[in-house]
Amino acid sequence: LFNLAELDFLTGDLPRARERFQGLFAERPEDERLLFRLYLCALMEGRSQEEAELYLTLSNREASPIAYYVPAARHFQEKRRSEGRRLVQTAQVLFPGATGFYDASFEALGFR
């Protein structure tokens, strides 16, 4: 089911992707990849309340690249690319080899 949700995400069907990711998250609430995808869906769909709640939850996870990629996504979405790039580079330095999923997410959304 993750692959179907991922396909929806990559093809821009964000409402359907969000539905699928939510279903998966109900089964695996510890999976940060699902939370990150839910965050990106909320951000891209303009679901500001959901985005803000997820932002607060995820940006405080200091032991994970997600703490850098969540605010970076917001910067990219708000056209502050240099700030977004700085956060991505910091995460890549602090978590070498653990940022591929997040980088692929940004690539799919054109966040570079």
C-alpha atoms as a PDB file:
ATOM      1  CA  LEU A   1       0.000   0.000   0.000  1.00  0.00           C
ATOM      2  CA  PHE A   2       2.939   2.346   0.613  1.00  0.00           C
ATOM      3  CA  ASN A   3       3.925   2.023  -3.040  1.00  0.00           C
ATOM      4  CA  LEU A   4       0.418   3.013  -4.159  1.00  0.00           C
ATOM      5  CA  ALA A   5       0.456   6.021  -1.845  1.00  0.00           C
ATOM      6  CA  GLU A   6       3.906   6.900  -3.118  1.00  0.00           C
ATOM      7  CA  LEU A   7       2.733   6.666  -6.725  1.00  0.00           C
ATOM      8  CA  ASP A   8      -0.169   8.998  -5.938  1.00  0.00           C
ATOM      9  CA  PHE A   9       2.260  11.397  -4.264  1.00  0.00           C
ATOM     10  CA  LEU A  10       4.723  11.350  -7.161  1.00  0.00           C
ATOM     11  CA  THR A  11       2.008  11.868  -9.767  1.00  0.00           C
ATOM     12  CA  GLY A  12       0.542  14.810  -7.854  1.00  0.00           C
ATOM     13  CA  ASP A  13      -2.665  13.183  -6.611  1.00  0.00           C
ATOM     14  CA  LEU A  14      -2.072  14.576  -3.139  1.00  0.00           C
ATOM     15  CA  PRO A  15      -5.585  14.068  -1.726  1.00  0.00           C
ATOM     16  CA  ARG A  16      -5.485  10.366  -2.628  1.00  0.00           C
ATOM     17  CA  ALA A  17      -1.901  10.043  -1.406  1.00  0.00           C
ATOM     18  CA  ARG A  18      -2.871  11.687   1.887  1.00  0.00           C
ATOM     19  CA  GLU A  19      -5.753   9.234   2.350  1.00  0.00           C
ATOM     20  CA  ARG A  20      -3.471   6.266   1.759  1.00  0.00           C
ATOM     21  CA  PHE A  21      -0.693   7.621   3.979  1.00  0.00           C
ATOM     22  CA  GLN A  22      -3.224   8.248   6.760  1.00  0.00           C
ATOM     23  CA  GLY A  23      -4.401   4.644   6.525  1.00  0.00           C
ATOM     24  CA  LEU A  24      -0.832   3.402   6.726  1.00  0.00           C
ATOM     25  CA  PHE A  25      -0.045   5.754   9.591  1.00  0.00           C
ATOM     26  CA  ALA A  26      -2.955   4.310  11.591  1.00  0.00           C
ATOM     27  CA  GLU A  27      -1.192   0.936  11.317  1.00  0.00           C
ATOM     28  CA  ARG A  28       2.366   2.219  11.822  1.00  0.00           C
ATOM     29  CA  PRO A  29       2.319   5.453  13.865  1.00  0.00           C
ATOM     30  CA  GLU A  30       6.070   5.230  14.538  1.00  0.00           C
ATOM     31  CA  ASP A  31       7.006   5.473  10.839  1.00  0.00           C
ATOM     32  CA  GLU A  32       8.523   8.938  10.284  1.00  0.00           C
ATOM     33  CA  ARG A  33       8.393   8.479   6.510  1.00  0.00           C
ATOM     34  CA  LEU A  34       4.597   8.426   6.703  1.00  0.00           C
ATOM     35  CA  LEU A  35       4.493  11.498   8.926  1.00  0.00           C
ATOM     36  CA  PHE A  36       6.815  13.325   6.550  1.00  0.00           C
ATOM     37  CA  ARG A  37       4.653  12.466   3.557  1.00  0.00           C
ATOM     38  CA  LEU A  38       1.529  13.543   5.457  1.00  0.00           C
ATOM     39  CA  TYR A  39       3.267  16.812   6.267  1.00  0.00           C
ATOM     40  CA  LEU A  40       4.206  17.406   2.635  1.00  0.00           C
ATOM     41  CA  CYS A  41       0.672  16.625   1.471  1.00  0.00           C
ATOM     42  CA  ALA A  42      -0.765  19.109   3.984  1.00  0.00           C
ATOM     43  CA  LEU A  43       1.789  21.742   2.966  1.00  0.00           C
ATOM     44  CA  MET A  44       1.212  21.316  -0.765  1.00  0.00           C
ATOM     45  CA  GLU A  45      -2.572  21.147  -0.437  1.00  0.00           C
ATOM     46  CA  GLY A  46      -2.654  24.324   1.647  1.00  0.00           C
ATOM     47  CA  ARG A  47      -4.164  22.559   4.656  1.00  0.00           C
ATOM     48  CA  SER A  48      -2.703  25.145   7.015  1.00  0.00           C
ATOM     49  CA  GLN A  49      -4.014  23.866  10.354  1.00  0.00           C
ATOM     50  CA  GLU A  50      -2.911  20.290   9.678  1.00  0.00           C
ATOM     51  CA  GLU A  51       0.415  21.530   8.319  1.00  0.00           C
ATOM     52  CA  ALA A  52       1.017  23.678  11.417  1.00  0.00           C
ATOM     53  CA  GLU A  53       0.239  20.819  13.803  1.00  0.00           C
ATOM     54  CA  LEU A  54       2.537  18.409  11.969  1.00  0.00           C
ATOM     55  CA  TYR A  55       5.221  21.111  11.733  1.00  0.00           C
ATOM     56  CA  LEU A  56       5.293  21.502  15.518  1.00  0.00           C
ATOM     57  CA  THR A  57       5.424  17.748  16.047  1.00  0.00           C
ATOM     58  CA  LEU A  58       8.099  16.979  13.475  1.00  0.00           C
ATOM     59  CA  SER A  59      10.434  19.969  13.729  1.00  0.00           C
ATOM     60  CA  ASN A  60      11.246  19.033  17.334  1.00  0.00           C
ATOM     61  CA  ARG A  61      12.693  15.606  16.531  1.00  0.00           C
ATOM     62  CA  GLU A  62      16.326  16.600  16.885  1.00  0.00           C
ATOM     63  CA  ALA A  63      17.739  13.096  16.487  1.00  0.00           C
ATOM     64  CA  SER A  64      16.374  12.784  12.958  1.00  0.00           C
ATOM     65  CA  PRO A  65      16.815  14.453   9.573  1.00  0.00           C
ATOM     66  CA  ILE A  66      13.079  15.163   9.636  1.00  0.00           C
ATOM     67  CA  ALA A  67      13.716  18.049  12.057  1.00  0.00           C
ATOM     68  CA  TYR A  68      15.608  19.804   9.250  1.00  0.00           C
ATOM     69  CA  TYR A  69      13.572  18.726   6.242  1.00  0.00           C
ATOM     70  CA  VAL A  70      10.209  19.858   7.643  1.00  0.00           C
ATOM     71  CA  PRO A  71      11.222  23.519   8.058  1.00  0.00           C
ATOM     72  CA  ALA A  72      13.178  23.289   4.799  1.00  0.00           C
ATOM     73  CA  ALA A  73       9.991  22.223   2.991  1.00  0.00           C
ATOM     74  CA  ARG A  74       8.155  25.220   4.379  1.00  0.00           C
ATOM     75  CA  HIS A  75      10.989  27.515   3.244  1.00  0.00           C
ATOM     76  CA  PHE A  76      10.917  26.047  -0.268  1.00  0.00           C
ATOM     77  CA  GLN A  77       7.134  26.333  -0.447  1.00  0.00           C
ATOM     78  CA  GLU A  78       7.376  29.976   0.611  1.00  0.00           C
ATOM     79  CA  LYS A  79      10.068  30.641  -2.039  1.00  0.00           C
ATOM     80  CA  ARG A  80      12.878  31.057   0.496  1.00  0.00           C
ATOM     81  CA  ARG A  81      15.134  28.599  -1.277  1.00  0.00           C
ATOM     82  CA  SER A  82      18.450  29.612   0.274  1.00  0.00           C
ATOM     83  CA  GLU A  83      17.131  28.958   3.785  1.00  0.00           C
ATOM     84  CA  GLY A  84      15.704  25.623   2.629  1.00  0.00           C
ATOM     85  CA  ARG A  85      18.989  24.592   1.012  1.00  0.00           C
ATOM     86  CA  ARG A  86      20.914  25.530   4.155  1.00  0.00           C
ATOM     87  CA  LEU A  87      18.738  23.247   6.289  1.00  0.00           C
ATOM     88  CA  VAL A  88      19.029  20.387   3.797  1.00  0.00           C
ATOM     89  CA  GLN A  89      22.813  20.719   3.732  1.00  0.00           C
ATOM     90  CA  THR A  90      22.935  20.728   7.524  1.00  0.00           C
ATOM     91  CA  ALA A  91      20.865  17.549   7.684  1.00  0.00           C
ATOM     92  CA  GLN A  92      23.088  15.881   5.093  1.00  0.00           C
ATOM     93  CA  VAL A  93      26.170  16.685   7.177  1.00  0.00           C
ATOM     94  CA  LEU A  94      24.628  15.619  10.492  1.00  0.00           C
ATOM     95  CA  PHE A  95      22.958  12.457   9.141  1.00  0.00           C
ATOM     96  CA  PRO A  96      25.158  11.149   6.322  1.00  0.00           C
ATOM     97  CA  GLY A  97      23.504   8.301   4.461  1.00  0.00           C
ATOM     98  CA  ALA A  98      20.127   8.860   6.142  1.00  0.00           C
ATOM     99  CA  THR A  99      18.665  11.641   3.991  1.00  0.00           C
ATOM    100  CA  GLY A 100      17.957   9.846   0.703  1.00  0.00           C
ATOM    101  CA  PHE A 101      14.219   9.464   1.317  1.00  0.00           C
ATOM    102  CA  TYR A 102      13.863  13.129   2.206  1.00  0.00           C
ATOM    103  CA  ASP A 103      16.004  14.244  -0.743  1.00  0.00           C
ATOM    104  CA  ALA A 104      13.871  12.131  -3.109  1.00  0.00           C
ATOM    105  CA  SER A 105      10.733  13.752  -1.681  1.00  0.00           C
ATOM    106  CA  PHE A 106      12.108  17.205  -2.358  1.00  0.00           C
ATOM    107  CA  GLU A 107      13.236  16.205  -5.830  1.00  0.00           C
ATOM    108  CA  ALA A 108       9.722  14.990  -6.650  1.00  0.00           C
ATOM    109  CA  LEU A 109       8.266  18.333  -5.544  1.00  0.00           C
ATOM    110  CA  GLY A 110      10.907  20.434  -7.289  1.00  0.00           C
ATOM    111  CA  PHE A 111      12.302  21.729  -3.995  1.00  0.00           C
ATOM    112  CA  ARG A 112      15.898  22.502  -4.962  1.00  0.00           C
END
